[in-house]
PDB file of N, CA and C in Angstrom:
ATOM      1  N   MET A   1       0.839  -1.170   0.000  1.00  0.00           N
ATOM      2  CA  MET A   1       0.000   0.000   0.000  1.00  0.00           C
ATOM      3  C   MET A   1       0.893   1.245   0.000  1.00  0.00           C
ATOM      4  N   LEU A   2       0.553   2.194  -0.781  1.00  0.00           N
ATOM      5  CA  LEU A   2       1.331   3.414  -0.919  1.00  0.00           C
ATOM      6  C   LEU A   2       0.949   4.410   0.172  1.00  0.00           C
ATOM      7  N   LYS A   3       1.974   4.970   0.858  1.00  0.00           N
ATOM      8  CA  LYS A   3       1.703   5.949   1.899  1.00  0.00           C
ATOM      9  C   LYS A   3       1.442   7.311   1.272  1.00  0.00           C
ATOM     10  N   ILE A   4       0.355   7.941   1.685  1.00  0.00           N
ATOM     11  CA  ILE A   4       0.021   9.268   1.176  1.00  0.00           C
ATOM     12  C   ILE A   4       0.707  10.350   2.006  1.00  0.00           C
ATOM     13  N   VAL A   5       0.749  10.147   3.318  1.00  0.00           N
ATOM     14  CA  VAL A   5       1.334  11.128   4.226  1.00  0.00           C
ATOM     15  C   VAL A   5       2.741  10.672   4.602  1.00  0.00           C
ATOM     16  N   PRO A   6       3.744  11.520   4.417  1.00  0.00           N
ATOM     17  CA  PRO A   6       5.106  11.117   4.781  1.00  0.00           C
ATOM     18  C   PRO A   6       5.300  11.080   6.293  1.00  0.00           C
ATOM     19  N   ASP A   7       6.299  10.345   6.715  1.00  0.00           N
ATOM     20  CA  ASP A   7       6.644  10.312   8.133  1.00  0.00           C
ATOM     21  C   ASP A   7       7.181  11.678   8.551  1.00  0.00           C
ATOM     22  N   PRO A   8       6.903  12.075   9.800  1.00  0.00           N
ATOM     23  CA  PRO A   8       7.442  13.360  10.260  1.00  0.00           C
ATOM     24  C   PRO A   8       8.958  13.278  10.390  1.00  0.00           C
ATOM     25  N   PRO A   9       9.635  14.413  10.303  1.00  0.00           N
ATOM     26  CA  PRO A   9      11.085  14.382  10.464  1.00  0.00           C
ATOM     27  C   PRO A   9      11.461  13.949  11.875  1.00  0.00           C
ATOM     28  N   LEU A  10      12.656  13.417  12.010  1.00  0.00           N
ATOM     29  CA  LEU A  10      13.094  12.947  13.324  1.00  0.00           C
ATOM     30  C   LEU A  10      13.214  14.092  14.324  1.00  0.00           C
ATOM     31  N   HIS A  11      13.620  15.247  13.851  1.00  0.00           N
ATOM     32  CA  HIS A  11      13.767  16.406  14.721  1.00  0.00           C
ATOM     33  C   HIS A  11      12.841  17.499  14.225  1.00  0.00           C
ATOM     34  N   ASP A  12      11.991  17.982  15.126  1.00  0.00           N
ATOM     35  CA  ASP A  12      11.124  19.073  14.689  1.00  0.00           C
ATOM     36  C   ASP A  12      11.916  20.378  14.715  1.00  0.00           C
ATOM     37  N   LYS A  13      11.308  21.431  14.226  1.00  0.00           N
ATOM     38  CA  LYS A  13      12.035  22.685  14.043  1.00  0.00           C
ATOM     39  C   LYS A  13      12.407  23.369  15.349  1.00  0.00           C
ATOM     40  N   TYR A  14      11.895  22.895  16.486  1.00  0.00           N
ATOM     41  CA  TYR A  14      12.195  23.542  17.756  1.00  0.00           C
ATOM     42  C   TYR A  14      13.265  22.820  18.575  1.00  0.00           C
ATOM     43  N   THR A  15      13.684  21.640  18.171  1.00  0.00           N
ATOM     44  CA  THR A  15      14.630  20.891  18.993  1.00  0.00           C
ATOM     45  C   THR A  15      16.035  21.469  18.936  1.00  0.00           C
ATOM     46  N   THR A  16      16.364  22.197  17.891  1.00  0.00           N
ATOM     47  CA  THR A  16      17.711  22.737  17.784  1.00  0.00           C
ATOM     48  C   THR A  16      17.847  24.098  18.444  1.00  0.00           C
ATOM     49  N   HIS A  17      16.740  24.686  18.879  1.00  0.00           N
ATOM     50  CA  HIS A  17      16.781  25.993  19.512  1.00  0.00           C
ATOM     51  C   HIS A  17      17.079  25.865  21.003  1.00  0.00           C
ATOM     52  N   THR A  18      17.780  26.842  21.519  1.00  0.00           N
ATOM     53  CA  THR A  18      18.014  26.882  22.953  1.00  0.00           C
ATOM     54  C   THR A  18      16.768  27.434  23.636  1.00  0.00           C
ATOM     55  N   LEU A  19      16.724  27.288  24.949  1.00  0.00           N
ATOM     56  CA  LEU A  19      15.612  27.831  25.712  1.00  0.00           C
ATOM     57  C   LEU A  19      15.525  29.342  25.519  1.00  0.00           C
ATOM     58  N   GLU A  20      16.663  29.986  25.483  1.00  0.00           N
ATOM     59  CA  GLU A  20      16.701  31.434  25.278  1.00  0.00           C
ATOM     60  C   GLU A  20      16.101  31.813  23.921  1.00  0.00           C
ATOM     61  N   ASP A  21      16.457  31.074  22.873  1.00  0.00           N
ATOM     62  CA  ASP A  21      15.906  31.335  21.539  1.00  0.00           C
ATOM     63  C   ASP A  21      14.389  31.172  21.524  1.00  0.00           C
ATOM     64  N   LEU A  22      13.904  30.128  22.190  1.00  0.00           N
ATOM     65  CA  LEU A  22      12.466  29.891  22.234  1.00  0.00           C
ATOM     66  C   LEU A  22      11.739  31.004  22.981  1.00  0.00           C
ATOM     67  N   LEU A  23      12.318  31.464  24.087  1.00  0.00           N
ATOM     68  CA  LEU A  23      11.688  32.543  24.845  1.00  0.00           C
ATOM     69  C   LEU A  23      11.642  33.841  24.044  1.00  0.00           C
ATOM     70  N   VAL A  24      12.695  34.120  23.297  1.00  0.00           N
ATOM     71  CA  VAL A  24      12.703  35.314  22.454  1.00  0.00           C
ATOM     72  C   VAL A  24      11.632  35.201  21.384  1.00  0.00           C
ATOM     73  N   GLN A  25      11.512  34.033  20.774  1.00  0.00           N
ATOM     74  CA  GLN A  25      10.504  33.837  19.733  1.00  0.00           C
ATOM     75  C   GLN A  25       9.090  33.954  20.307  1.00  0.00           C
ATOM     76  N   ILE A  26       8.865  33.389  21.491  1.00  0.00           N
ATOM     77  CA  ILE A  26       7.563  33.506  22.146  1.00  0.00           C
ATOM     78  C   ILE A  26       7.250  34.969  22.434  1.00  0.00           C
ATOM     79  N   SER A  27       8.237  35.697  22.912  1.00  0.00           N
ATOM     80  CA  SER A  27       8.050  37.121  23.203  1.00  0.00           C
ATOM     81  C   SER A  27       7.652  37.888  21.945  1.00  0.00           C
ATOM     82  N   GLU A  28       8.285  37.576  20.828  1.00  0.00           N
ATOM     83  CA  GLU A  28       7.952  38.240  19.573  1.00  0.00           C
ATOM     84  C   GLU A  28       6.530  37.909  19.124  1.00  0.00           C
ATOM     85  N   TYR A  29       6.112  36.660  19.280  1.00  0.00           N
ATOM     86  CA  TYR A  29       4.741  36.287  18.947  1.00  0.00           C
ATOM     87  C   TYR A  29       3.745  37.041  19.828  1.00  0.00           C
ATOM     88  N   LEU A  30       4.069  37.183  21.110  1.00  0.00           N
ATOM     89  CA  LEU A  30       3.166  37.883  22.017  1.00  0.00           C
ATOM     90  C   LEU A  30       3.064  39.369  21.685  1.00  0.00           C
ATOM     91  N   VAL A  31       4.169  39.970  21.266  1.00  0.00           N
ATOM     92  CA  VAL A  31       4.123  41.376  20.843  1.00  0.00           C
ATOM     93  C   VAL A  31       3.213  41.520  19.625  1.00  0.00           C
ATOM     94  N   CYS A  32       3.312  40.593  18.682  1.00  0.00           N
ATOM     95  CA  CYS A  32       2.447  40.625  17.500  1.00  0.00           C
ATOM     96  C   CYS A  32       0.980  40.447  17.896  1.00  0.00           C
ATOM     97  N   ALA A  33       0.713  39.521  18.785  1.00  0.00           N
ATOM     98  CA  ALA A  33      -0.666  39.294  19.232  1.00  0.00           C
ATOM     99  C   ALA A  33      -1.221  40.521  19.945  1.00  0.00           C
ATOM    100  N   LEU A  34      -0.394  41.175  20.740  1.00  0.00           N
ATOM    101  CA  LEU A  34      -0.826  42.383  21.438  1.00  0.00           C
ATOM    102  C   LEU A  34      -1.126  43.504  20.443  1.00  0.00           C
ATOM    103  N   THR A  35      -0.313  43.633  19.426  1.00  0.00           N
ATOM    104  CA  THR A  35      -0.530  44.658  18.404  1.00  0.00           C
ATOM    105  C   THR A  35      -1.837  44.414  17.650  1.00  0.00           C
ATOM    106  N   VAL A  36      -2.100  43.164  17.301  1.00  0.00           N
ATOM    107  CA  VAL A  36      -3.346  42.831  16.611  1.00  0.00           C
ATOM    108  C   VAL A  36      -4.537  43.142  17.516  1.00  0.00           C
ATOM    109  N   SER A  37      -4.420  42.819  18.793  1.00  0.00           N
ATOM    110  CA  SER A  37      -5.502  43.106  19.734  1.00  0.00           C
ATOM    111  C   SER A  37      -5.746  44.599  19.863  1.00  0.00           C
ATOM    112  N   GLN A  38      -4.680  45.375  19.910  1.00  0.00           N
ATOM    113  CA  GLN A  38      -4.831  46.825  20.004  1.00  0.00           C
ATOM    114  C   GLN A  38      -5.539  47.380  18.769  1.00  0.00           C
ATOM    115  N   GLN A  39      -5.196  46.869  17.608  1.00  0.00           N
ATOM    116  CA  GLN A  39      -5.858  47.316  16.381  1.00  0.00           C
ATOM    117  C   GLN A  39      -7.337  46.914  16.375  1.00  0.00           C
ATOM    118  N   THR A  40      -7.640  45.760  16.926  1.00  0.00           N
ATOM    119  CA  THR A  40      -9.024  45.302  17.002  1.00  0.00           C
ATOM    120  C   THR A  40      -9.852  46.217  17.893  1.00  0.00           C
ATOM    121  N   VAL A  41      -9.271  46.670  19.006  1.00  0.00           N
ATOM    122  CA  VAL A  41      -9.975  47.601  19.887  1.00  0.00           C
ATOM    123  C   VAL A  41     -10.278  48.898  19.147  1.00  0.00           C
ATOM    124  N   LEU A  42      -9.344  49.352  18.341  1.00  0.00           N
ATOM    125  CA  LEU A  42      -9.571  50.584  17.586  1.00  0.00           C
ATOM    126  C   LEU A  42     -10.661  50.413  16.532  1.00  0.00           C
ATOM    127  N   LEU A  43     -10.763  49.225  15.949  1.00  0.00           N
ATOM    128  CA  LEU A  43     -11.780  48.970  14.920  1.00  0.00           C
ATOM    129  C   LEU A  43     -13.174  48.817  15.518  1.00  0.00           C
ATOM    130  N   HIS A  44     -13.258  48.263  16.715  1.00  0.00           N
ATOM    131  CA  HIS A  44     -14.546  48.057  17.388  1.00  0.00           C
ATOM    132  C   HIS A  44     -14.668  49.072  18.514  1.00  0.00           C
ATOM    133  N   ALA A  45     -15.144  50.248  18.167  1.00  0.00           N
ATOM    134  CA  ALA A  45     -15.187  51.359  19.117  1.00  0.00           C
ATOM    135  C   ALA A  45     -16.266  51.211  20.181  1.00  0.00           C
ATOM    136  N   LYS A  46     -17.236  50.339  19.960  1.00  0.00           N
ATOM    137  CA  LYS A  46     -18.316  50.170  20.931  1.00  0.00           C
ATOM    138  C   LYS A  46     -17.898  49.191  22.023  1.00  0.00           C
ATOM    139  N   PRO A  47     -18.233  49.488  23.277  1.00  0.00           N
ATOM    140  CA  PRO A  47     -17.812  48.649  24.408  1.00  0.00           C
ATOM    141  C   PRO A  47     -18.131  47.156  24.302  1.00  0.00           C
ATOM    142  N   PRO A  48     -19.289  46.719  23.788  1.00  0.00           N
ATOM    143  CA  PRO A  48     -19.511  45.264  23.738  1.00  0.00           C
ATOM    144  C   PRO A  48     -18.449  44.520  22.918  1.00  0.00           C
ATOM    145  N   GLY A  49     -17.963  45.140  21.864  1.00  0.00           N
ATOM    146  CA  GLY A  49     -16.955  44.496  21.035  1.00  0.00           C
ATOM    147  C   GLY A  49     -15.559  44.582  21.610  1.00  0.00           C
ATOM    148  N   GLN A  50     -15.367  45.457  22.575  1.00  0.00           N
ATOM    149  CA  GLN A  50     -14.041  45.682  23.129  1.00  0.00           C
ATOM    150  C   GLN A  50     -13.731  44.844  24.361  1.00  0.00           C
ATOM    151  N   VAL A  51     -14.745  44.429  25.087  1.00  0.00           N
ATOM    152  CA  VAL A  51     -14.532  43.796  26.391  1.00  0.00           C
ATOM    153  C   VAL A  51     -13.630  42.572  26.303  1.00  0.00           C
ATOM    154  N   LEU A  52     -13.936  41.647  25.430  1.00  0.00           N
ATOM    155  CA  LEU A  52     -13.123  40.430  25.320  1.00  0.00           C
ATOM    156  C   LEU A  52     -11.733  40.737  24.766  1.00  0.00           C
ATOM    157  N   THR A  53     -11.657  41.685  23.849  1.00  0.00           N
ATOM    158  CA  THR A  53     -10.359  42.044  23.289  1.00  0.00           C
ATOM    159  C   THR A  53      -9.474  42.687  24.349  1.00  0.00           C
ATOM    160  N   LEU A  54     -10.047  43.546  25.178  1.00  0.00           N
ATOM    161  CA  LEU A  54      -9.274  44.162  26.258  1.00  0.00           C
ATOM    162  C   LEU A  54      -8.814  43.115  27.276  1.00  0.00           C
ATOM    163  N   ALA A  55      -9.675  42.143  27.551  1.00  0.00           N
ATOM    164  CA  ALA A  55      -9.291  41.050  28.451  1.00  0.00           C
ATOM    165  C   ALA A  55      -8.154  40.233  27.845  1.00  0.00           C
ATOM    166  N   ALA A  56      -8.244  39.954  26.543  1.00  0.00           N
ATOM    167  CA  ALA A  56      -7.178  39.219  25.861  1.00  0.00           C
ATOM    168  C   ALA A  56      -5.873  40.011  25.877  1.00  0.00           C
ATOM    169  N   MET A  57      -5.963  41.324  25.685  1.00  0.00           N
ATOM    170  CA  MET A  57      -4.765  42.172  25.726  1.00  0.00           C
ATOM    171  C   MET A  57      -4.102  42.094  27.096  1.00  0.00           C
ATOM    172  N   HIS A  58      -4.911  42.095  28.140  1.00  0.00           N
ATOM    173  CA  HIS A  58      -4.370  41.997  29.498  1.00  0.00           C
ATOM    174  C   HIS A  58      -3.638  40.671  29.692  1.00  0.00           C
ATOM    175  N   GLU A  59      -4.238  39.589  29.232  1.00  0.00           N
ATOM    176  CA  GLU A  59      -3.612  38.268  29.369  1.00  0.00           C
ATOM    177  C   GLU A  59      -2.338  38.155  28.539  1.00  0.00           C
ATOM    178  N   ILE A  60      -2.356  38.683  27.331  1.00  0.00           N
ATOM    179  CA  ILE A  60      -1.171  38.649  26.466  1.00  0.00           C
ATOM    180  C   ILE A  60      -0.040  39.443  27.100  1.00  0.00           C
ATOM    181  N   ASP A  61      -0.364  40.619  27.651  1.00  0.00           N
ATOM    182  CA  ASP A  61       0.661  41.449  28.286  1.00  0.00           C
ATOM    183  C   ASP A  61       1.230  40.759  29.524  1.00  0.00           C
ATOM    184  N   SER A  62       0.382  40.084  30.289  1.00  0.00           N
ATOM    185  CA  SER A  62       0.861  39.344  31.461  1.00  0.00           C
ATOM    186  C   SER A  62       1.785  38.199  31.052  1.00  0.00           C
ATOM    187  N   ALA A  63       1.411  37.494  29.988  1.00  0.00           N
ATOM    188  CA  ALA A  63       2.257  36.400  29.499  1.00  0.00           C
ATOM    189  C   ALA A  63       3.588  36.933  28.983  1.00  0.00           C
ATOM    190  N   ARG A  64       3.554  38.066  28.302  1.00  0.00           N
ATOM    191  CA  ARG A  64       4.784  38.665  27.787  1.00  0.00           C
ATOM    192  C   ARG A  64       5.709  39.073  28.931  1.00  0.00           C
ATOM    193  N   THR A  65       5.140  39.596  30.010  1.00  0.00           N
ATOM    194  CA  THR A  65       5.930  39.961  31.182  1.00  0.00           C
ATOM    195  C   THR A  65       6.599  38.733  31.795  1.00  0.00           C
ATOM    196  N   LEU A  66       5.850  37.639  31.900  1.00  0.00           N
ATOM    197  CA  LEU A  66       6.423  36.402  32.441  1.00  0.00           C
ATOM    198  C   LEU A  66       7.549  35.868  31.559  1.00  0.00           C
ATOM    199  N   VAL A  67       7.370  35.949  30.245  1.00  0.00           N
ATOM    200  CA  VAL A  67       8.414  35.500  29.315  1.00  0.00           C
ATOM    201  C   VAL A  67       9.660  36.368  29.472  1.00  0.00           C
ATOM    202  N   GLU A  68       9.476  37.668  29.631  1.00  0.00           N
ATOM    203  CA  GLU A  68      10.622  38.565  29.802  1.00  0.00           C
ATOM    204  C   GLU A  68      11.370  38.252  31.099  1.00  0.00           C
ATOM    205  N   VAL A  69      10.650  37.928  32.170  1.00  0.00           N
ATOM    206  CA  VAL A  69      11.291  37.549  33.434  1.00  0.00           C
ATOM    207  C   VAL A  69      12.074  36.250  33.249  1.00  0.00           C
ATOM    208  N   ALA A  70      11.457  35.269  32.600  1.00  0.00           N
ATOM    209  CA  ALA A  70      12.142  33.998  32.347  1.00  0.00           C
ATOM    210  C   ALA A  70      13.372  34.211  31.474  1.00  0.00           C
ATOM    211  N   LEU A  71      13.257  35.058  30.472  1.00  0.00           N
ATOM    212  CA  LEU A  71      14.386  35.339  29.584  1.00  0.00           C
ATOM    213  C   LEU A  71      15.522  36.003  30.342  1.00  0.00           C
ATOM    214  N   SER A  72      15.212  36.918  31.219  1.00  0.00           N
ATOM    215  CA  SER A  72      16.263  37.584  31.991  1.00  0.00           C
ATOM    216  C   SER A  72      16.958  36.597  32.924  1.00  0.00           C
ATOM    217  N   ARG A  73      16.216  35.614  33.446  1.00  0.00           N
ATOM    218  CA  ARG A  73      16.841  34.605  34.309  1.00  0.00           C
ATOM    219  C   ARG A  73      17.731  33.672  33.512  1.00  0.00           C
ATOM    220  N   VAL A  74      17.307  33.325  32.304  1.00  0.00           N
ATOM    221  CA  VAL A  74      18.126  32.464  31.451  1.00  0.00           C
ATOM    222  C   VAL A  74      19.397  33.201  31.078  1.00  0.00           C
ATOM    223  N   GLN A  75      19.283  34.475  30.711  1.00  0.00           N
ATOM    224  CA  GLN A  75      20.446  35.258  30.291  1.00  0.00           C
ATOM    225  C   GLN A  75      21.408  35.508  31.447  1.00  0.00           C
ATOM    226  N   SER A  76      20.890  35.615  32.672  1.00  0.00           N
ATOM    227  CA  SER A  76      21.762  35.868  33.819  1.00  0.00           C
ATOM    228  C   SER A  76      22.589  34.642  34.185  1.00  0.00           C
ATOM    229  N   ARG A  77      22.162  33.457  33.755  1.00  0.00           N
ATOM    230  CA  ARG A  77      22.925  32.221  34.038  1.00  0.00           C
ATOM    231  C   ARG A  77      24.145  32.083  33.152  1.00  0.00           C
ATOM    232  N   HIS A  78      24.148  32.792  32.021  1.00  0.00           N
ATOM    233  CA  HIS A  78      25.268  32.674  31.063  1.00  0.00           C
ATOM    234  C   HIS A  78      26.398  33.551  31.455  1.00  0.00           C
TER     235      HIS A  78
END
């Protein structure tokens, strides 16, 4: 029987990255998510459309702060 889906690679794209590299990449994704959320708040000027977006912005900012703390601890070990 012919296989349609190939086997996954032995190493995924994240195994070669250091913890520091991963934290930096996560931080960059969170900055992008925060920017998109801020633009969404500007597009939906009425409060019902903003409530969940503002809550998401708060959570994204909190996660970004935690990543920055973790990154500073990783960098201080080097």
